[in-house]
Amino acid sequence: MIVEKVGYPIRAGAANLFFELVSSRCEHATLILTSNLPLSGWGGVFGDQAVAAAMSGRIVHHE
């Protein structure tokens, strides 16, 4: 799955759904995300720094 241009603000409910998608795909299938923001800027995208930190942790946990 490819998700392009992660960086536009989304609502809290959508952020939680997106986190569930990332969580379910990270161990089972390839997930490609593109963004013009560093991971540290994702708090503004998802409206919550904790959700952004959890999501980035799921994405880069093998790094």
PDB file of N, CA and C in Angstrom:
ATOM      1  N   MET A   1       0.846  -1.159   0.000  1.00  0.00           N
ATOM      2  CA  MET A   1       0.000   0.000   0.000  1.00  0.00           C
ATOM      3  C   MET A   1       0.897   1.229   0.000  1.00  0.00           C
ATOM      4  N   ILE A   2       0.527   2.208  -0.795  1.00  0.00           N
ATOM      5  CA  ILE A   2       1.259   3.481  -0.852  1.00  0.00           C
ATOM      6  C   ILE A   2       0.317   4.595  -0.422  1.00  0.00           C
ATOM      7  N   VAL A   3       0.755   5.371   0.565  1.00  0.00           N
ATOM      8  CA  VAL A   3       0.008   6.538   1.022  1.00  0.00           C
ATOM      9  C   VAL A   3       0.885   7.744   0.736  1.00  0.00           C
ATOM     10  N   GLU A   4       0.434   8.587  -0.150  1.00  0.00           N
ATOM     11  CA  GLU A   4       1.226   9.745  -0.550  1.00  0.00           C
ATOM     12  C   GLU A   4       0.822  11.002   0.212  1.00  0.00           C
ATOM     13  N   LYS A   5       1.798  11.847   0.386  1.00  0.00           N
ATOM     14  CA  LYS A   5       1.614  13.196   0.930  1.00  0.00           C
ATOM     15  C   LYS A   5       1.013  13.225   2.323  1.00  0.00           C
ATOM     16  N   VAL A   6       1.551  12.426   3.221  1.00  0.00           N
ATOM     17  CA  VAL A   6       1.151  12.538   4.622  1.00  0.00           C
ATOM     18  C   VAL A   6       1.669  13.890   5.094  1.00  0.00           C
ATOM     19  N   GLY A   7       0.793  14.741   5.491  1.00  0.00           N
ATOM     20  CA  GLY A   7       1.212  16.072   5.915  1.00  0.00           C
ATOM     21  C   GLY A   7       0.065  17.046   6.011  1.00  0.00           C
ATOM     22  N   TYR A   8      -1.066  16.690   5.419  1.00  0.00           N
ATOM     23  CA  TYR A   8      -2.241  17.532   5.539  1.00  0.00           C
ATOM     24  C   TYR A   8      -2.947  17.187   6.845  1.00  0.00           C
ATOM     25  N   PRO A   9      -3.381  18.173   7.612  1.00  0.00           N
ATOM     26  CA  PRO A   9      -4.052  17.890   8.888  1.00  0.00           C
ATOM     27  C   PRO A   9      -5.301  17.032   8.691  1.00  0.00           C
ATOM     28  N   ILE A  10      -5.493  16.084   9.588  1.00  0.00           N
ATOM     29  CA  ILE A  10      -6.685  15.247   9.557  1.00  0.00           C
ATOM     30  C   ILE A  10      -7.347  15.265  10.933  1.00  0.00           C
ATOM     31  N   ARG A  11      -8.615  14.924  10.967  1.00  0.00           N
ATOM     32  CA  ARG A  11      -9.372  14.928  12.230  1.00  0.00           C
ATOM     33  C   ARG A  11      -8.910  13.807  13.146  1.00  0.00           C
ATOM     34  N   ALA A  12      -9.181  13.951  14.429  1.00  0.00           N
ATOM     35  CA  ALA A  12      -8.741  12.983  15.436  1.00  0.00           C
ATOM     36  C   ALA A  12      -9.276  11.585  15.156  1.00  0.00           C
ATOM     37  N   GLY A  13     -10.526  11.459  14.792  1.00  0.00           N
ATOM     38  CA  GLY A  13     -11.088  10.148  14.496  1.00  0.00           C
ATOM     39  C   GLY A  13     -10.389   9.495  13.321  1.00  0.00           C
ATOM     40  N   ALA A  14     -10.090  10.268  12.298  1.00  0.00           N
ATOM     41  CA  ALA A  14      -9.381   9.749  11.135  1.00  0.00           C
ATOM     42  C   ALA A  14      -7.940   9.392  11.496  1.00  0.00           C
ATOM     43  N   ALA A  15      -7.337  10.154  12.384  1.00  0.00           N
ATOM     44  CA  ALA A  15      -5.969   9.853  12.826  1.00  0.00           C
ATOM     45  C   ALA A  15      -5.928   8.506  13.535  1.00  0.00           C
ATOM     46  N   ASN A  16      -6.919   8.225  14.358  1.00  0.00           N
ATOM     47  CA  ASN A  16      -6.970   6.936  15.042  1.00  0.00           C
ATOM     48  C   ASN A  16      -7.167   5.788  14.060  1.00  0.00           C
ATOM     49  N   LEU A  17      -8.006   5.983  13.054  1.00  0.00           N
ATOM     50  CA  LEU A  17      -8.201   4.953  12.026  1.00  0.00           C
ATOM     51  C   LEU A  17      -6.922   4.734  11.226  1.00  0.00           C
ATOM     52  N   PHE A  18      -6.225   5.823  10.906  1.00  0.00           N
ATOM     53  CA  PHE A  18      -4.973   5.700  10.168  1.00  0.00           C
ATOM     54  C   PHE A  18      -3.935   4.954  10.995  1.00  0.00           C
ATOM     55  N   PHE A  19      -3.888   5.205  12.300  1.00  0.00           N
ATOM     56  CA  PHE A  19      -2.984   4.477  13.178  1.00  0.00           C
ATOM     57  C   PHE A  19      -3.308   2.983  13.161  1.00  0.00           C
ATOM     58  N   GLU A  20      -4.582   2.640  13.195  1.00  0.00           N
ATOM     59  CA  GLU A  20      -4.979   1.233  13.139  1.00  0.00           C
ATOM     60  C   GLU A  20      -4.532   0.593  11.829  1.00  0.00           C
ATOM     61  N   LEU A  21      -4.652   1.322  10.729  1.00  0.00           N
ATOM     62  CA  LEU A  21      -4.201   0.815   9.434  1.00  0.00           C
ATOM     63  C   LEU A  21      -2.704   0.550   9.450  1.00  0.00           C
ATOM     64  N   VAL A  22      -1.937   1.519   9.920  1.00  0.00           N
ATOM     65  CA  VAL A  22      -0.485   1.366   9.992  1.00  0.00           C
ATOM     66  C   VAL A  22      -0.120   0.193  10.906  1.00  0.00           C
ATOM     67  N   SER A  23      -0.767   0.088  12.037  1.00  0.00           N
ATOM     68  CA  SER A  23      -0.481  -0.993  12.981  1.00  0.00           C
ATOM     69  C   SER A  23      -0.766  -2.363  12.375  1.00  0.00           C
ATOM     70  N   SER A  24      -1.863  -2.478  11.674  1.00  0.00           N
ATOM     71  CA  SER A  24      -2.221  -3.781  11.113  1.00  0.00           C
ATOM     72  C   SER A  24      -1.356  -4.166   9.927  1.00  0.00           C
ATOM     73  N   ARG A  25      -0.855  -3.192   9.181  1.00  0.00           N
ATOM     74  CA  ARG A  25      -0.057  -3.500   7.997  1.00  0.00           C
ATOM     75  C   ARG A  25       1.427  -3.655   8.291  1.00  0.00           C
ATOM     76  N   CYS A  26       1.918  -3.077   9.370  1.00  0.00           N
ATOM     77  CA  CYS A  26       3.367  -3.001   9.567  1.00  0.00           C
ATOM     78  C   CYS A  26       4.037  -4.365   9.687  1.00  0.00           C
ATOM     79  N   GLU A  27       3.366  -5.367  10.158  1.00  0.00           N
ATOM     80  CA  GLU A  27       3.961  -6.690  10.295  1.00  0.00           C
ATOM     81  C   GLU A  27       3.549  -7.662   9.201  1.00  0.00           C
ATOM     82  N   HIS A  28       2.579  -7.285   8.377  1.00  0.00           N
ATOM     83  CA  HIS A  28       2.012  -8.243   7.435  1.00  0.00           C
ATOM     84  C   HIS A  28       2.221  -7.896   5.970  1.00  0.00           C
ATOM     85  N   ALA A  29       2.421  -6.653   5.645  1.00  0.00           N
ATOM     86  CA  ALA A  29       2.533  -6.246   4.245  1.00  0.00           C
ATOM     87  C   ALA A  29       3.331  -4.945   4.160  1.00  0.00           C
ATOM     88  N   THR A  30       3.758  -4.658   2.959  1.00  0.00           N
ATOM     89  CA  THR A  30       4.538  -3.447   2.729  1.00  0.00           C
ATOM     90  C   THR A  30       3.649  -2.210   2.807  1.00  0.00           C
ATOM     91  N   LEU A  31       4.177  -1.176   3.437  1.00  0.00           N
ATOM     92  CA  LEU A  31       3.491   0.106   3.546  1.00  0.00           C
ATOM     93  C   LEU A  31       4.501   1.192   3.221  1.00  0.00           C
ATOM     94  N   ILE A  32       4.201   1.997   2.226  1.00  0.00           N
ATOM     95  CA  ILE A  32       5.067   3.103   1.831  1.00  0.00           C
ATOM     96  C   ILE A  32       4.328   4.407   2.101  1.00  0.00           C
ATOM     97  N   LEU A  33       4.966   5.285   2.854  1.00  0.00           N
ATOM     98  CA  LEU A  33       4.399   6.594   3.153  1.00  0.00           C
ATOM     99  C   LEU A  33       5.331   7.664   2.603  1.00  0.00           C
ATOM    100  N   THR A  34       4.763   8.681   1.975  1.00  0.00           N
ATOM    101  CA  THR A  34       5.573   9.814   1.545  1.00  0.00           C
ATOM    102  C   THR A  34       5.074  11.061   2.277  1.00  0.00           C
ATOM    103  N   SER A  35       6.018  11.954   2.580  1.00  0.00           N
ATOM    104  CA  SER A  35       5.681  13.181   3.273  1.00  0.00           C
ATOM    105  C   SER A  35       6.775  14.202   3.046  1.00  0.00           C
ATOM    106  N   ASN A  36       6.418  15.455   3.074  1.00  0.00           N
ATOM    107  CA  ASN A  36       7.427  16.506   3.008  1.00  0.00           C
ATOM    108  C   ASN A  36       7.792  17.003   4.405  1.00  0.00           C
ATOM    109  N   LEU A  37       7.235  16.354   5.427  1.00  0.00           N
ATOM    110  CA  LEU A  37       7.510  16.728   6.817  1.00  0.00           C
ATOM    111  C   LEU A  37       8.410  15.696   7.485  1.00  0.00           C
ATOM    112  N   PRO A  38       9.264  16.135   8.403  1.00  0.00           N
ATOM    113  CA  PRO A  38       9.985  15.161   9.225  1.00  0.00           C
ATOM    114  C   PRO A  38       9.006  14.514  10.206  1.00  0.00           C
ATOM    115  N   LEU A  39       9.350  13.359  10.724  1.00  0.00           N
ATOM    116  CA  LEU A  39       8.464  12.686  11.684  1.00  0.00           C
ATOM    117  C   LEU A  39       8.148  13.569  12.879  1.00  0.00           C
ATOM    118  N   SER A  40       9.079  14.430  13.245  1.00  0.00           N
ATOM    119  CA  SER A  40       8.842  15.329  14.385  1.00  0.00           C
ATOM    120  C   SER A  40       7.727  16.335  14.115  1.00  0.00           C
ATOM    121  N   GLY A  41       7.358  16.552  12.866  1.00  0.00           N
ATOM    122  CA  GLY A  41       6.290  17.476  12.515  1.00  0.00           C
ATOM    123  C   GLY A  41       4.927  16.827  12.371  1.00  0.00           C
ATOM    124  N   TRP A  42       4.851  15.527  12.586  1.00  0.00           N
ATOM    125  CA  TRP A  42       3.593  14.816  12.385  1.00  0.00           C
ATOM    126  C   TRP A  42       2.563  15.086  13.474  1.00  0.00           C
ATOM    127  N   GLY A  43       2.949  15.644  14.603  1.00  0.00           N
ATOM    128  CA  GLY A  43       1.991  15.985  15.653  1.00  0.00           C
ATOM    129  C   GLY A  43       0.933  16.950  15.138  1.00  0.00           C
ATOM    130  N   GLY A  44       1.324  17.886  14.299  1.00  0.00           N
ATOM    131  CA  GLY A  44       0.374  18.822  13.706  1.00  0.00           C
ATOM    132  C   GLY A  44      -0.548  18.179  12.699  1.00  0.00           C
ATOM    133  N   VAL A  45      -0.096  17.128  12.058  1.00  0.00           N
ATOM    134  CA  VAL A  45      -0.906  16.417  11.072  1.00  0.00           C
ATOM    135  C   VAL A  45      -2.023  15.642  11.761  1.00  0.00           C
ATOM    136  N   PHE A  46      -1.664  14.927  12.813  1.00  0.00           N
ATOM    137  CA  PHE A  46      -2.619  14.058  13.476  1.00  0.00           C
ATOM    138  C   PHE A  46      -3.306  14.714  14.668  1.00  0.00           C
ATOM    139  N   GLY A  47      -2.954  15.961  14.966  1.00  0.00           N
ATOM    140  CA  GLY A  47      -3.619  16.702  16.017  1.00  0.00           C
ATOM    141  C   GLY A  47      -3.252  16.278  17.426  1.00  0.00           C
ATOM    142  N   ASP A  48      -2.303  15.371  17.550  1.00  0.00           N
ATOM    143  CA  ASP A  48      -1.933  14.852  18.863  1.00  0.00           C
ATOM    144  C   ASP A  48      -0.517  14.296  18.772  1.00  0.00           C
ATOM    145  N   GLN A  49       0.374  14.823  19.564  1.00  0.00           N
ATOM    146  CA  GLN A  49       1.771  14.387  19.522  1.00  0.00           C
ATOM    147  C   GLN A  49       1.911  12.919  19.931  1.00  0.00           C
ATOM    148  N   ALA A  50       1.067  12.462  20.861  1.00  0.00           N
ATOM    149  CA  ALA A  50       1.151  11.059  21.299  1.00  0.00           C
ATOM    150  C   ALA A  50       0.784  10.099  20.171  1.00  0.00           C
ATOM    151  N   VAL A  51      -0.261  10.425  19.418  1.00  0.00           N
ATOM    152  CA  VAL A  51      -0.649   9.585  18.279  1.00  0.00           C
ATOM    153  C   VAL A  51       0.455   9.599  17.225  1.00  0.00           C
ATOM    154  N   ALA A  52       1.014  10.766  16.969  1.00  0.00           N
ATOM    155  CA  ALA A  52       2.088  10.877  15.988  1.00  0.00           C
ATOM    156  C   ALA A  52       3.316  10.080  16.421  1.00  0.00           C
ATOM    157  N   ALA A  53       3.655  10.131  17.694  1.00  0.00           N
ATOM    158  CA  ALA A  53       4.803   9.375  18.195  1.00  0.00           C
ATOM    159  C   ALA A  53       4.557   7.876  18.108  1.00  0.00           C
ATOM    160  N   ALA A  54       3.355   7.448  18.441  1.00  0.00           N
ATOM    161  CA  ALA A  54       3.030   6.022  18.349  1.00  0.00           C
ATOM    162  C   ALA A  54       3.077   5.554  16.908  1.00  0.00           C
ATOM    163  N   MET A  55       2.564   6.365  15.997  1.00  0.00           N
ATOM    164  CA  MET A  55       2.560   6.001  14.588  1.00  0.00           C
ATOM    165  C   MET A  55       3.978   5.944  14.030  1.00  0.00           C
ATOM    166  N   SER A  56       4.788   6.938  14.318  1.00  0.00           N
ATOM    167  CA  SER A  56       6.155   6.917  13.813  1.00  0.00           C
ATOM    168  C   SER A  56       6.939   5.762  14.427  1.00  0.00           C
ATOM    169  N   GLY A  57       6.629   5.422  15.663  1.00  0.00           N
ATOM    170  CA  GLY A  57       7.271   4.260  16.283  1.00  0.00           C
ATOM    171  C   GLY A  57       6.925   2.976  15.562  1.00  0.00           C
ATOM    172  N   ARG A  58       5.684   2.831  15.143  1.00  0.00           N
ATOM    173  CA  ARG A  58       5.272   1.643  14.383  1.00  0.00           C
ATOM    174  C   ARG A  58       5.956   1.589  13.033  1.00  0.00           C
ATOM    175  N   ILE A  59       6.111   2.749  12.422  1.00  0.00           N
ATOM    176  CA  ILE A  59       6.672   2.804  11.059  1.00  0.00           C
ATOM    177  C   ILE A  59       8.162   2.475  11.063  1.00  0.00           C
ATOM    178  N   VAL A  60       8.898   2.997  12.028  1.00  0.00           N
ATOM    179  CA  VAL A  60      10.357   2.870  12.001  1.00  0.00           C
ATOM    180  C   VAL A  60      10.904   1.893  13.045  1.00  0.00           C
ATOM    181  N   HIS A  61      10.090   1.018  13.584  1.00  0.00           N
ATOM    182  CA  HIS A  61      10.544   0.159  14.681  1.00  0.00           C
ATOM    183  C   HIS A  61      11.642  -0.826  14.279  1.00  0.00           C
ATOM    184  N   HIS A  62      11.850  -1.085  12.998  1.00  0.00           N
ATOM    185  CA  HIS A  62      12.906  -1.979  12.550  1.00  0.00           C
ATOM    186  C   HIS A  62      14.197  -1.239  12.188  1.00  0.00           C
ATOM    187  N   GLU A  63      14.167   0.076  12.227  1.00  0.00           N
ATOM    188  CA  GLU A  63      15.327   0.875  11.834  1.00  0.00           C
ATOM    189  C   GLU A  63      16.413   0.813  12.874  1.00  0.00           C
TER     190      GLU A  63
END
